[in-house]
Amino acid sequence: MSDTLRQQLLGLGFKEPTPARPRREPRRDGGPGRGGPGGGTPAKAGVAKPPGARAGQERGKGKGGPRPPGRGRDRGEIDLAKAYAIRAQKDRDERLAAEKEKQEQARRRREARAKLAALVEGKALNAEDAGIARHFEYGGKIKRIYVTDGQLRALNAGELGVLQLNGRYVLVTADLLAEAEAIFPDAVALKVDPAAPAADDPYGDPRFQVPDDLVW
């Protein structure tokens, strides 16, 4: 068709024919195409499965299948956290028990002191005219109580004793000292054993009395 005729036909409304597409030959190497062993959609039996599908099926067959990744590590972390929690709870229980025991001991001491005060009330032998300082060791320190000459001899003979009560030292009889010791042993400040060697109580000898003006 000459160009002049083609232009006349196009001017009358005719469309230029579309060239036919070349026919695609099926690939022989198994590439894409329709049907046949060499192309088209692969057969159902040949569909590739995801990498983890077979492993998941194998795990479902029984207990012997592979374990999920990280499971053992997570279990170990849980066991360690549980051990820490148990230890922390044990420490708290021990602290509470120790605090409870401390409070119980304080309560018993208060009750013992109150009972001791009631026992000693009105029975102290401290003399107002006492001028002799009798030193003794109590609580790791050197303490003193003022007594008369007769009280000093009785004290060194074990006939009298000294109690610590409410911050002061009280002179009492040996019998009262024994009763007080049964109630609250820590209150016994001076209890002399007359049969003990003099070296056991060096402050009992007036020659070795500590001067009052000595600064400790």
N, C-alpha and C. Protein backbone atom coordinates (compact mmCIF):
# COMPACT_ATOMS: atom_id res chain seq x y z
N MET A 1 0.87 -1.19 0.00
CA MET A 1 0.00 0.00 0.00
C MET A 1 0.89 1.22 0.00
N SER A 2 0.51 2.12 -0.99
CA SER A 2 1.35 3.32 -1.07
C SER A 2 1.00 4.26 0.05
N ASP A 3 1.96 5.12 0.29
CA ASP A 3 1.75 6.06 1.39
C ASP A 3 0.56 6.98 1.12
N THR A 4 0.32 7.29 -0.13
CA THR A 4 -0.82 8.18 -0.43
C THR A 4 -2.14 7.52 -0.12
N LEU A 5 -2.32 6.24 -0.54
CA LEU A 5 -3.55 5.51 -0.22
C LEU A 5 -3.73 5.33 1.27
N ARG A 6 -2.63 5.05 1.99
CA ARG A 6 -2.69 4.84 3.46
C ARG A 6 -3.15 6.11 4.16
N GLN A 7 -2.66 7.24 3.70
CA GLN A 7 -3.06 8.50 4.31
C GLN A 7 -4.52 8.80 4.03
N GLN A 8 -5.02 8.44 2.76
CA GLN A 8 -6.43 8.66 2.45
C GLN A 8 -7.33 7.81 3.33
N LEU A 9 -6.92 6.56 3.55
CA LEU A 9 -7.74 5.67 4.40
C LEU A 9 -7.74 6.15 5.84
N LEU A 10 -6.63 6.57 6.33
CA LEU A 10 -6.58 7.08 7.72
C LEU A 10 -7.44 8.33 7.85
N GLY A 11 -7.47 9.15 6.77
CA GLY A 11 -8.31 10.33 6.84
C GLY A 11 -9.78 10.00 6.86
N LEU A 12 -10.18 8.86 6.25
CA LEU A 12 -11.59 8.44 6.27
C LEU A 12 -11.97 7.75 7.58
N GLY A 13 -11.05 7.58 8.55
CA GLY A 13 -11.39 6.98 9.85
C GLY A 13 -10.90 5.58 10.05
N PHE A 14 -10.25 5.01 9.05
CA PHE A 14 -9.73 3.66 9.22
C PHE A 14 -8.49 3.71 10.11
N LYS A 15 -8.36 2.67 10.95
CA LYS A 15 -7.19 2.57 11.84
C LYS A 15 -6.16 1.69 11.21
N GLU A 16 -4.95 2.05 11.54
CA GLU A 16 -3.83 1.27 11.01
C GLU A 16 -3.79 -0.07 11.72
N PRO A 17 -3.72 -1.16 11.00
CA PRO A 17 -3.73 -2.50 11.66
C PRO A 17 -2.54 -2.70 12.59
N THR A 18 -2.84 -3.39 13.70
CA THR A 18 -1.78 -3.69 14.69
C THR A 18 -1.00 -4.90 14.23
N PRO A 19 0.32 -4.82 14.25
CA PRO A 19 1.11 -5.97 13.82
C PRO A 19 0.93 -7.14 14.78
N ALA A 20 0.87 -8.30 14.25
CA ALA A 20 0.70 -9.51 15.06
C ALA A 20 1.94 -9.78 15.89
N ARG A 21 1.66 -10.27 17.14
CA ARG A 21 2.78 -10.61 18.03
C ARG A 21 3.37 -11.94 17.63
N PRO A 22 4.69 -12.05 17.78
CA PRO A 22 5.31 -13.34 17.45
C PRO A 22 4.93 -14.40 18.47
N ARG A 23 4.71 -15.56 18.00
CA ARG A 23 4.33 -16.69 18.89
C ARG A 23 5.53 -17.15 19.69
N ARG A 24 5.29 -17.32 21.03
CA ARG A 24 6.38 -17.78 21.92
C ARG A 24 6.46 -19.28 21.90
N GLU A 25 7.65 -19.71 21.64
CA GLU A 25 7.88 -21.15 21.63
C GLU A 25 8.14 -21.64 23.06
N PRO A 26 7.60 -22.79 23.41
CA PRO A 26 7.87 -23.33 24.76
C PRO A 26 9.35 -23.60 24.96
N ARG A 27 9.81 -23.29 26.16
CA ARG A 27 11.22 -23.54 26.48
C ARG A 27 11.43 -25.01 26.79
N ARG A 28 12.57 -25.46 26.31
CA ARG A 28 12.89 -26.87 26.54
C ARG A 28 13.69 -27.11 27.82
N ASP A 29 14.07 -26.02 28.50
CA ASP A 29 14.90 -26.19 29.72
C ASP A 29 14.06 -26.10 30.99
N GLY A 30 12.75 -26.27 30.89
CA GLY A 30 11.91 -26.26 32.09
C GLY A 30 11.52 -24.88 32.52
N GLY A 31 11.73 -23.86 31.63
CA GLY A 31 11.41 -22.48 31.97
C GLY A 31 9.92 -22.26 31.95
N PRO A 32 9.50 -20.99 32.08
CA PRO A 32 8.06 -20.68 32.12
C PRO A 32 7.40 -20.94 30.79
N GLY A 33 6.21 -21.35 30.76
CA GLY A 33 5.41 -21.68 29.57
C GLY A 33 4.15 -22.33 30.01
N ARG A 34 3.35 -22.78 29.09
CA ARG A 34 2.08 -23.41 29.46
C ARG A 34 2.15 -24.88 29.13
N GLY A 35 1.98 -25.67 30.16
CA GLY A 35 1.85 -27.11 29.99
C GLY A 35 3.15 -27.76 29.62
N GLY A 36 3.14 -29.04 29.72
CA GLY A 36 4.27 -29.82 29.26
C GLY A 36 5.39 -29.85 30.28
N PRO A 37 6.26 -30.78 30.12
CA PRO A 37 7.36 -30.92 31.07
C PRO A 37 8.33 -29.80 30.99
N GLY A 38 8.35 -29.04 29.86
CA GLY A 38 9.34 -28.01 29.72
C GLY A 38 8.87 -26.64 30.14
N GLY A 39 7.67 -26.46 30.56
CA GLY A 39 7.20 -25.13 30.93
C GLY A 39 5.91 -25.21 31.67
N GLY A 40 5.29 -24.05 31.85
CA GLY A 40 4.02 -23.98 32.56
C GLY A 40 4.22 -24.09 34.06
N THR A 41 3.09 -24.22 34.70
CA THR A 41 3.11 -24.32 36.17
C THR A 41 3.70 -25.65 36.57
N PRO A 42 4.65 -25.69 37.51
CA PRO A 42 5.25 -26.97 37.93
C PRO A 42 4.20 -27.88 38.51
N ALA A 43 4.46 -29.14 38.34
CA ALA A 43 3.54 -30.14 38.89
C ALA A 43 3.47 -30.01 40.40
N LYS A 44 2.32 -30.39 40.99
CA LYS A 44 2.09 -30.26 42.43
C LYS A 44 3.14 -30.98 43.23
N ALA A 45 3.55 -32.12 42.74
CA ALA A 45 4.54 -32.90 43.50
C ALA A 45 5.87 -32.19 43.57
N GLY A 46 6.12 -31.27 42.62
CA GLY A 46 7.42 -30.63 42.61
C GLY A 46 7.45 -29.29 43.31
N VAL A 47 6.33 -28.88 43.97
CA VAL A 47 6.30 -27.58 44.65
C VAL A 47 7.27 -27.60 45.81
N ALA A 48 8.17 -26.63 45.85
CA ALA A 48 9.16 -26.58 46.94
C ALA A 48 8.50 -26.09 48.22
N LYS A 49 8.82 -26.71 49.31
CA LYS A 49 8.25 -26.33 50.61
C LYS A 49 9.18 -25.35 51.30
N PRO A 50 8.62 -24.51 52.17
CA PRO A 50 9.47 -23.58 52.93
C PRO A 50 10.51 -24.34 53.72
N PRO A 51 11.67 -23.68 53.98
CA PRO A 51 12.77 -24.40 54.66
C PRO A 51 12.39 -24.99 56.00
N GLY A 52 11.51 -24.32 56.76
CA GLY A 52 11.20 -24.82 58.10
C GLY A 52 10.02 -25.74 58.15
N ALA A 53 9.34 -25.98 56.98
CA ALA A 53 8.12 -26.79 57.00
C ALA A 53 8.42 -28.22 57.39
N ARG A 54 9.43 -28.80 56.73
CA ARG A 54 9.75 -30.20 57.04
C ARG A 54 10.22 -30.36 58.48
N ALA A 55 11.02 -29.37 58.96
CA ALA A 55 11.49 -29.47 60.35
C ALA A 55 10.33 -29.40 61.31
N GLY A 56 9.29 -28.54 60.98
CA GLY A 56 8.13 -28.45 61.85
C GLY A 56 7.35 -29.74 61.88
N GLN A 57 7.23 -30.39 60.68
CA GLN A 57 6.53 -31.67 60.64
C GLN A 57 7.27 -32.73 61.44
N GLU A 58 8.59 -32.70 61.33
CA GLU A 58 9.37 -33.69 62.08
C GLU A 58 9.23 -33.49 63.57
N ARG A 59 9.16 -32.20 64.00
CA ARG A 59 9.00 -31.95 65.44
C ARG A 59 7.66 -32.44 65.92
N GLY A 60 6.65 -32.38 65.06
CA GLY A 60 5.31 -32.79 65.49
C GLY A 60 5.15 -34.29 65.58
N LYS A 61 6.11 -35.05 65.04
CA LYS A 61 5.96 -36.51 65.04
C LYS A 61 6.19 -37.12 66.42
N GLY A 62 6.95 -36.45 67.26
CA GLY A 62 7.20 -37.06 68.56
C GLY A 62 8.15 -36.21 69.38
N LYS A 63 8.48 -36.65 70.55
CA LYS A 63 9.34 -35.91 71.46
C LYS A 63 10.78 -35.86 70.99
N GLY A 64 11.13 -36.76 70.08
CA GLY A 64 12.52 -36.83 69.67
C GLY A 64 12.91 -35.78 68.66
N GLY A 65 11.96 -34.94 68.20
CA GLY A 65 12.26 -33.94 67.19
C GLY A 65 13.13 -32.83 67.76
N PRO A 66 13.68 -31.99 66.89
CA PRO A 66 14.53 -30.90 67.35
C PRO A 66 13.77 -29.90 68.21
N ARG A 67 14.43 -29.34 69.22
CA ARG A 67 13.80 -28.37 70.13
C ARG A 67 13.89 -26.98 69.53
N PRO A 68 12.92 -26.13 69.84
CA PRO A 68 12.96 -24.76 69.32
C PRO A 68 14.23 -24.07 69.74
N PRO A 69 14.81 -23.23 68.90
CA PRO A 69 16.05 -22.54 69.26
C PRO A 69 15.84 -21.62 70.45
N GLY A 70 16.84 -21.60 71.39
CA GLY A 70 16.79 -20.71 72.55
C GLY A 70 16.00 -21.26 73.71
N ARG A 71 15.35 -22.41 73.56
CA ARG A 71 14.51 -22.92 74.65
C ARG A 71 15.33 -23.29 75.87
N GLY A 72 16.46 -23.97 75.65
CA GLY A 72 17.30 -24.36 76.78
C GLY A 72 17.89 -23.15 77.50
N ARG A 73 18.27 -22.14 76.71
CA ARG A 73 18.82 -20.94 77.33
C ARG A 73 17.77 -20.23 78.16
N ASP A 74 16.53 -20.11 77.63
CA ASP A 74 15.47 -19.46 78.39
C ASP A 74 15.19 -20.21 79.68
N ARG A 75 15.19 -21.54 79.61
CA ARG A 75 14.93 -22.34 80.81
C ARG A 75 16.02 -22.11 81.86
N GLY A 76 17.27 -21.99 81.38
CA GLY A 76 18.36 -21.74 82.32
C GLY A 76 18.22 -20.38 82.98
N GLU A 77 17.82 -19.36 82.20
CA GLU A 77 17.63 -18.03 82.75
C GLU A 77 16.51 -18.03 83.78
N ILE A 78 15.44 -18.76 83.50
CA ILE A 78 14.32 -18.84 84.44
C ILE A 78 14.77 -19.51 85.74
N ASP A 79 15.53 -20.60 85.63
CA ASP A 79 16.01 -21.29 86.83
C ASP A 79 16.92 -20.39 87.65
N LEU A 80 17.79 -19.61 87.00
CA LEU A 80 18.68 -18.72 87.72
C LEU A 80 17.90 -17.61 88.43
N ALA A 81 16.90 -17.05 87.74
CA ALA A 81 16.07 -16.02 88.37
C ALA A 81 15.31 -16.58 89.57
N LYS A 82 14.85 -17.81 89.44
CA LYS A 82 14.13 -18.45 90.54
C LYS A 82 15.05 -18.65 91.73
N ALA A 83 16.30 -19.05 91.46
CA ALA A 83 17.27 -19.25 92.55
C ALA A 83 17.56 -17.93 93.26
N TYR A 84 17.70 -16.85 92.47
CA TYR A 84 17.93 -15.55 93.08
C TYR A 84 16.74 -15.13 93.94
N ALA A 85 15.54 -15.38 93.47
CA ALA A 85 14.34 -15.01 94.22
C ALA A 85 14.25 -15.80 95.53
N ILE A 86 14.59 -17.08 95.47
CA ILE A 86 14.56 -17.90 96.68
C ILE A 86 15.58 -17.40 97.69
N ARG A 87 16.78 -17.07 97.20
CA ARG A 87 17.84 -16.57 98.07
C ARG A 87 17.45 -15.24 98.71
N ALA A 88 16.85 -14.35 97.91
CA ALA A 88 16.43 -13.06 98.44
C ALA A 88 15.35 -13.23 99.50
N GLN A 89 14.42 -14.15 99.27
CA GLN A 89 13.36 -14.40 100.24
C GLN A 89 13.95 -14.97 101.53
N LYS A 90 14.94 -15.85 101.40
CA LYS A 90 15.59 -16.43 102.57
C LYS A 90 16.30 -15.36 103.39
N ASP A 91 16.99 -14.44 102.70
CA ASP A 91 17.67 -13.35 103.40
C ASP A 91 16.67 -12.47 104.14
N ARG A 92 15.54 -12.18 103.49
CA ARG A 92 14.52 -11.37 104.16
C ARG A 92 13.97 -12.09 105.39
N ASP A 93 13.74 -13.38 105.28
CA ASP A 93 13.23 -14.14 106.41
C ASP A 93 14.22 -14.14 107.57
N GLU A 94 15.51 -14.28 107.24
CA GLU A 94 16.53 -14.29 108.29
C GLU A 94 16.62 -12.93 108.97
N ARG A 95 16.55 -11.85 108.19
CA ARG A 95 16.59 -10.52 108.80
C ARG A 95 15.38 -10.28 109.69
N LEU A 96 14.21 -10.71 109.23
CA LEU A 96 13.01 -10.54 110.04
C LEU A 96 13.09 -11.35 111.32
N ALA A 97 13.62 -12.59 111.21
CA ALA A 97 13.76 -13.43 112.40
C ALA A 97 14.74 -12.83 113.40
N ALA A 98 15.87 -12.29 112.89
CA ALA A 98 16.86 -11.66 113.77
C ALA A 98 16.28 -10.42 114.45
N GLU A 99 15.54 -9.62 113.69
CA GLU A 99 14.93 -8.43 114.26
C GLU A 99 13.87 -8.80 115.30
N LYS A 100 13.13 -9.84 115.01
CA LYS A 100 12.12 -10.30 115.96
C LYS A 100 12.77 -10.80 117.25
N GLU A 101 13.88 -11.54 117.12
CA GLU A 101 14.59 -12.04 118.30
C GLU A 101 15.17 -10.88 119.10
N LYS A 102 15.70 -9.87 118.40
CA LYS A 102 16.25 -8.70 119.09
C LYS A 102 15.16 -7.98 119.88
N GLN A 103 14.01 -7.81 119.28
CA GLN A 103 12.90 -7.15 119.97
C GLN A 103 12.43 -7.98 121.17
N GLU A 104 12.44 -9.30 121.00
CA GLU A 104 12.02 -10.18 122.10
C GLU A 104 13.00 -10.08 123.26
N GLN A 105 14.29 -10.04 122.97
CA GLN A 105 15.28 -9.90 124.03
C GLN A 105 15.14 -8.57 124.75
N ALA A 106 14.89 -7.51 123.99
CA ALA A 106 14.70 -6.20 124.61
C ALA A 106 13.47 -6.20 125.52
N ARG A 107 12.43 -6.87 125.07
CA ARG A 107 11.22 -6.96 125.90
C ARG A 107 11.50 -7.70 127.20
N ARG A 108 12.23 -8.81 127.10
CA ARG A 108 12.54 -9.58 128.31
C ARG A 108 13.42 -8.78 129.27
N ARG A 109 14.35 -8.01 128.73
CA ARG A 109 15.21 -7.19 129.59
C ARG A 109 14.40 -6.11 130.30
N ARG A 110 13.47 -5.50 129.59
CA ARG A 110 12.63 -4.48 130.23
C ARG A 110 11.81 -5.09 131.36
N GLU A 111 11.25 -6.24 131.09
CA GLU A 111 10.44 -6.90 132.12
C GLU A 111 11.31 -7.29 133.32
N ALA A 112 12.54 -7.79 133.05
CA ALA A 112 13.42 -8.19 134.14
C ALA A 112 13.85 -6.98 134.97
N ARG A 113 14.15 -5.87 134.31
CA ARG A 113 14.54 -4.67 135.05
C ARG A 113 13.39 -4.15 135.92
N ALA A 114 12.18 -4.20 135.37
CA ALA A 114 11.02 -3.75 136.15
C ALA A 114 10.81 -4.65 137.37
N LYS A 115 10.97 -5.92 137.18
CA LYS A 115 10.81 -6.86 138.30
C LYS A 115 11.92 -6.66 139.33
N LEU A 116 13.13 -6.39 138.86
CA LEU A 116 14.25 -6.16 139.77
C LEU A 116 14.06 -4.88 140.57
N ALA A 117 13.56 -3.84 139.91
CA ALA A 117 13.32 -2.58 140.61
C ALA A 117 12.29 -2.77 141.72
N ALA A 118 11.26 -3.56 141.44
CA ALA A 118 10.24 -3.82 142.46
C ALA A 118 10.83 -4.62 143.62
N LEU A 119 11.77 -5.54 143.31
CA LEU A 119 12.38 -6.36 144.36
C LEU A 119 13.28 -5.53 145.27
N VAL A 120 14.04 -4.60 144.70
CA VAL A 120 15.04 -3.84 145.46
C VAL A 120 14.45 -2.60 146.12
N GLU A 121 13.25 -2.22 145.72
CA GLU A 121 12.67 -0.99 146.24
C GLU A 121 12.62 -0.99 147.77
N GLY A 122 13.22 0.07 148.35
CA GLY A 122 13.23 0.23 149.80
C GLY A 122 14.25 -0.62 150.52
N LYS A 123 15.11 -1.35 149.80
CA LYS A 123 16.06 -2.26 150.44
C LYS A 123 17.52 -1.88 150.18
N ALA A 124 17.76 -0.75 149.55
CA ALA A 124 19.13 -0.31 149.29
C ALA A 124 19.81 0.09 150.60
N LEU A 125 21.11 -0.21 150.72
CA LEU A 125 21.88 0.06 151.92
C LEU A 125 22.87 1.20 151.74
N ASN A 126 22.77 1.94 150.67
CA ASN A 126 23.69 3.05 150.44
C ASN A 126 23.56 4.06 151.59
N ALA A 127 24.69 4.42 152.18
CA ALA A 127 24.71 5.35 153.32
C ALA A 127 25.08 6.75 152.83
N GLU A 128 24.38 7.75 153.43
CA GLU A 128 24.65 9.13 153.03
C GLU A 128 26.01 9.61 153.51
N ASP A 129 26.48 9.06 154.63
CA ASP A 129 27.77 9.48 155.18
C ASP A 129 28.94 8.62 154.69
N ALA A 130 28.68 7.78 153.67
CA ALA A 130 29.74 6.92 153.16
C ALA A 130 30.82 7.77 152.50
N GLY A 131 32.08 7.49 152.84
CA GLY A 131 33.18 8.28 152.30
C GLY A 131 34.31 7.45 151.72
N ILE A 132 34.14 6.13 151.71
CA ILE A 132 35.19 5.26 151.16
C ILE A 132 34.76 4.78 149.79
N ALA A 133 35.62 5.01 148.84
CA ALA A 133 35.31 4.58 147.47
C ALA A 133 35.76 3.13 147.27
N ARG A 134 34.80 2.28 147.00
CA ARG A 134 35.12 0.87 146.71
C ARG A 134 35.04 0.69 145.19
N HIS A 135 36.18 0.46 144.56
CA HIS A 135 36.23 0.30 143.11
C HIS A 135 36.04 -1.15 142.72
N PHE A 136 35.52 -1.33 141.56
CA PHE A 136 35.30 -2.68 141.02
C PHE A 136 35.19 -2.58 139.51
N GLU A 137 35.35 -3.70 138.86
CA GLU A 137 35.25 -3.73 137.40
C GLU A 137 33.86 -4.21 137.00
N TYR A 138 33.26 -3.47 136.08
CA TYR A 138 31.92 -3.83 135.62
C TYR A 138 31.75 -3.34 134.18
N GLY A 139 31.36 -4.23 133.31
CA GLY A 139 31.16 -3.85 131.90
C GLY A 139 32.44 -3.45 131.21
N GLY A 140 33.57 -4.00 131.65
CA GLY A 140 34.85 -3.68 131.03
C GLY A 140 35.43 -2.35 131.48
N LYS A 141 34.83 -1.70 132.48
CA LYS A 141 35.33 -0.41 132.98
C LYS A 141 35.41 -0.45 134.51
N ILE A 142 36.20 0.46 135.07
CA ILE A 142 36.34 0.56 136.51
C ILE A 142 35.26 1.48 137.05
N LYS A 143 34.44 0.93 137.96
CA LYS A 143 33.36 1.69 138.58
C LYS A 143 33.64 1.81 140.08
N ARG A 144 32.83 2.60 140.78
CA ARG A 144 33.01 2.74 142.22
C ARG A 144 31.68 2.99 142.91
N ILE A 145 31.65 2.63 144.18
CA ILE A 145 30.51 2.90 145.05
C ILE A 145 31.06 3.36 146.39
N TYR A 146 30.44 4.33 147.00
CA TYR A 146 30.92 4.84 148.28
C TYR A 146 30.24 4.07 149.42
N VAL A 147 31.08 3.61 150.35
CA VAL A 147 30.60 2.81 151.48
C VAL A 147 31.26 3.32 152.76
N THR A 148 30.73 2.86 153.89
CA THR A 148 31.35 3.14 155.18
C THR A 148 32.42 2.10 155.44
N ASP A 149 33.16 2.29 156.52
CA ASP A 149 34.23 1.35 156.85
C ASP A 149 33.65 -0.03 157.12
N GLY A 150 32.54 -0.09 157.86
CA GLY A 150 31.91 -1.38 158.15
C GLY A 150 31.35 -2.03 156.89
N GLN A 151 30.76 -1.25 156.04
CA GLN A 151 30.22 -1.79 154.78
C GLN A 151 31.34 -2.30 153.88
N LEU A 152 32.50 -1.65 153.92
CA LEU A 152 33.61 -2.11 153.10
C LEU A 152 34.06 -3.49 153.55
N ARG A 153 34.15 -3.69 154.88
CA ARG A 153 34.55 -5.01 155.37
C ARG A 153 33.51 -6.07 155.01
N ALA A 154 32.23 -5.72 155.15
CA ALA A 154 31.16 -6.67 154.82
C ALA A 154 31.12 -6.96 153.32
N LEU A 155 31.40 -5.96 152.53
CA LEU A 155 31.41 -6.14 151.09
C LEU A 155 32.56 -7.06 150.68
N ASN A 156 33.73 -6.87 151.26
CA ASN A 156 34.87 -7.71 150.93
C ASN A 156 34.72 -9.13 151.48
N ALA A 157 33.87 -9.30 152.47
CA ALA A 157 33.62 -10.63 153.04
C ALA A 157 32.51 -11.36 152.30
N GLY A 158 31.89 -10.71 151.34
CA GLY A 158 30.83 -11.35 150.58
C GLY A 158 29.48 -11.26 151.24
N GLU A 159 29.37 -10.47 152.34
CA GLU A 159 28.09 -10.32 153.02
C GLU A 159 27.19 -9.29 152.34
N LEU A 160 27.78 -8.43 151.57
CA LEU A 160 27.04 -7.43 150.79
C LEU A 160 27.43 -7.55 149.32
N GLY A 161 26.63 -6.94 148.50
CA GLY A 161 26.92 -6.94 147.06
C GLY A 161 26.42 -5.66 146.42
N VAL A 162 26.73 -5.48 145.14
CA VAL A 162 26.37 -4.25 144.44
C VAL A 162 25.57 -4.62 143.18
N LEU A 163 24.47 -3.90 143.00
CA LEU A 163 23.64 -4.05 141.81
C LEU A 163 23.68 -2.77 140.99
N GLN A 164 23.56 -2.90 139.71
CA GLN A 164 23.41 -1.74 138.84
C GLN A 164 21.93 -1.65 138.47
N LEU A 165 21.30 -0.55 138.85
CA LEU A 165 19.87 -0.41 138.64
C LEU A 165 19.56 1.03 138.25
N ASN A 166 18.99 1.18 137.06
CA ASN A 166 18.56 2.49 136.56
C ASN A 166 19.69 3.52 136.60
N GLY A 167 20.88 3.12 136.22
CA GLY A 167 21.99 4.05 136.11
C GLY A 167 22.74 4.32 137.40
N ARG A 168 22.41 3.69 138.50
CA ARG A 168 23.12 3.89 139.76
C ARG A 168 23.48 2.54 140.37
N TYR A 169 24.45 2.57 141.27
CA TYR A 169 24.92 1.34 141.91
C TYR A 169 24.34 1.27 143.32
N VAL A 170 23.73 0.12 143.59
CA VAL A 170 22.97 -0.06 144.83
C VAL A 170 23.64 -1.14 145.67
N LEU A 171 23.86 -0.81 146.95
CA LEU A 171 24.44 -1.76 147.89
C LEU A 171 23.31 -2.56 148.53
N VAL A 172 23.40 -3.90 148.46
CA VAL A 172 22.34 -4.77 148.98
C VAL A 172 22.97 -5.92 149.74
N THR A 173 22.13 -6.66 150.45
CA THR A 173 22.62 -7.84 151.17
C THR A 173 22.94 -8.96 150.19
N ALA A 174 23.68 -9.96 150.65
CA ALA A 174 24.06 -11.08 149.80
C ALA A 174 22.82 -11.88 149.38
N ASP A 175 21.85 -12.03 150.30
CA ASP A 175 20.64 -12.77 149.95
C ASP A 175 19.84 -12.06 148.85
N LEU A 176 19.72 -10.74 148.99
CA LEU A 176 19.00 -9.97 147.98
C LEU A 176 19.77 -10.00 146.65
N LEU A 177 21.08 -10.01 146.75
CA LEU A 177 21.89 -10.07 145.53
C LEU A 177 21.64 -11.38 144.78
N ALA A 178 21.49 -12.48 145.54
CA ALA A 178 21.22 -13.77 144.91
C ALA A 178 19.86 -13.79 144.22
N GLU A 179 18.85 -13.19 144.85
CA GLU A 179 17.53 -13.12 144.23
C GLU A 179 17.57 -12.28 142.96
N ALA A 180 18.30 -11.16 143.04
CA ALA A 180 18.41 -10.29 141.88
C ALA A 180 19.14 -10.99 140.74
N GLU A 181 20.13 -11.79 141.08
CA GLU A 181 20.88 -12.50 140.04
C GLU A 181 20.00 -13.50 139.32
N ALA A 182 19.06 -14.12 140.03
CA ALA A 182 18.15 -15.07 139.40
C ALA A 182 17.18 -14.37 138.45
N ILE A 183 16.87 -13.12 138.73
CA ILE A 183 15.93 -12.37 137.88
C ILE A 183 16.64 -11.76 136.68
N PHE A 184 17.76 -11.09 136.94
CA PHE A 184 18.47 -10.37 135.88
C PHE A 184 19.97 -10.41 136.18
N PRO A 185 20.67 -11.44 135.72
CA PRO A 185 22.09 -11.61 136.04
C PRO A 185 22.96 -10.43 135.63
N ASP A 186 22.61 -9.75 134.53
CA ASP A 186 23.44 -8.64 134.05
C ASP A 186 23.47 -7.47 135.02
N ALA A 187 22.54 -7.43 135.97
CA ALA A 187 22.49 -6.31 136.91
C ALA A 187 23.48 -6.48 138.06
N VAL A 188 24.06 -7.65 138.23
CA VAL A 188 25.01 -7.89 139.33
C VAL A 188 26.33 -7.22 138.96
N ALA A 189 26.67 -6.15 139.68
CA ALA A 189 27.89 -5.39 139.40
C ALA A 189 29.07 -5.87 140.22
N LEU A 190 28.85 -6.27 141.45
CA LEU A 190 29.94 -6.73 142.32
C LEU A 190 29.42 -7.81 143.27
N LYS A 191 30.02 -8.99 143.12
CA LYS A 191 29.70 -10.11 143.99
C LYS A 191 31.04 -10.74 144.41
N VAL A 192 31.37 -10.58 145.66
CA VAL A 192 32.67 -11.00 146.15
C VAL A 192 32.59 -12.41 146.70
N ASP A 193 33.53 -13.25 146.29
CA ASP A 193 33.67 -14.60 146.85
C ASP A 193 34.77 -14.54 147.89
N PRO A 194 34.42 -14.64 149.17
CA PRO A 194 35.44 -14.51 150.22
C PRO A 194 36.52 -15.60 150.15
N ALA A 195 36.21 -16.73 149.52
CA ALA A 195 37.18 -17.82 149.43
C ALA A 195 38.14 -17.63 148.27
N ALA A 196 37.86 -16.67 147.39
CA ALA A 196 38.72 -16.47 146.23
C ALA A 196 40.01 -15.76 146.64
N PRO A 197 41.12 -16.01 145.96
CA PRO A 197 42.39 -15.34 146.28
C PRO A 197 42.25 -13.82 146.16
N ALA A 198 43.03 -13.11 146.94
CA ALA A 198 42.94 -11.65 146.93
C ALA A 198 43.32 -11.08 145.57
N ALA A 199 44.15 -11.82 144.83
CA ALA A 199 44.58 -11.32 143.53
C ALA A 199 43.42 -11.23 142.54
N ASP A 200 42.35 -12.01 142.79
CA ASP A 200 41.20 -11.97 141.89
C ASP A 200 40.42 -10.66 142.01
N ASP A 201 40.57 -9.96 143.14
CA ASP A 201 39.87 -8.69 143.33
C ASP A 201 40.85 -7.70 143.95
N PRO A 202 41.76 -7.14 143.17
CA PRO A 202 42.78 -6.24 143.74
C PRO A 202 42.20 -4.97 144.35
N TYR A 203 40.98 -4.60 143.97
CA TYR A 203 40.40 -3.38 144.50
C TYR A 203 39.79 -3.59 145.88
N GLY A 204 39.76 -4.84 146.36
CA GLY A 204 39.22 -5.11 147.70
C GLY A 204 40.15 -4.69 148.81
N ASP A 205 41.46 -4.57 148.51
CA ASP A 205 42.44 -4.17 149.51
C ASP A 205 42.53 -2.65 149.54
N PRO A 206 42.26 -2.03 150.67
CA PRO A 206 42.30 -0.56 150.74
C PRO A 206 43.64 0.02 150.31
N ARG A 207 44.69 -0.76 150.41
CA ARG A 207 46.00 -0.23 150.02
C ARG A 207 46.08 0.02 148.51
N PHE A 208 45.22 -0.64 147.76
CA PHE A 208 45.25 -0.51 146.30
C PHE A 208 44.03 0.21 145.76
N GLN A 209 43.45 1.05 146.59
CA GLN A 209 42.30 1.81 146.13
C GLN A 209 42.72 2.85 145.10
N VAL A 210 41.86 3.08 144.12
CA VAL A 210 42.13 4.07 143.08
C VAL A 210 41.83 5.46 143.63
N PRO A 211 42.77 6.38 143.53
CA PRO A 211 42.49 7.75 144.02
C PRO A 211 41.31 8.37 143.29
N ASP A 212 40.50 9.13 144.05
CA ASP A 212 39.32 9.75 143.44
C ASP A 212 39.67 10.81 142.42
N ASP A 213 40.82 11.44 142.57
CA ASP A 213 41.17 12.53 141.67
C ASP A 213 41.92 12.01 140.42
N LEU A 214 42.02 10.66 140.28
CA LEU A 214 42.71 10.11 139.12
C LEU A 214 41.77 10.19 137.90
N VAL A 215 42.29 10.73 136.82
CA VAL A 215 41.50 10.86 135.60
C VAL A 215 41.73 9.63 134.73
N TRP A 216 40.63 8.95 134.36
CA TRP A 216 40.75 7.72 133.55
C TRP A 216 40.75 8.09 132.09
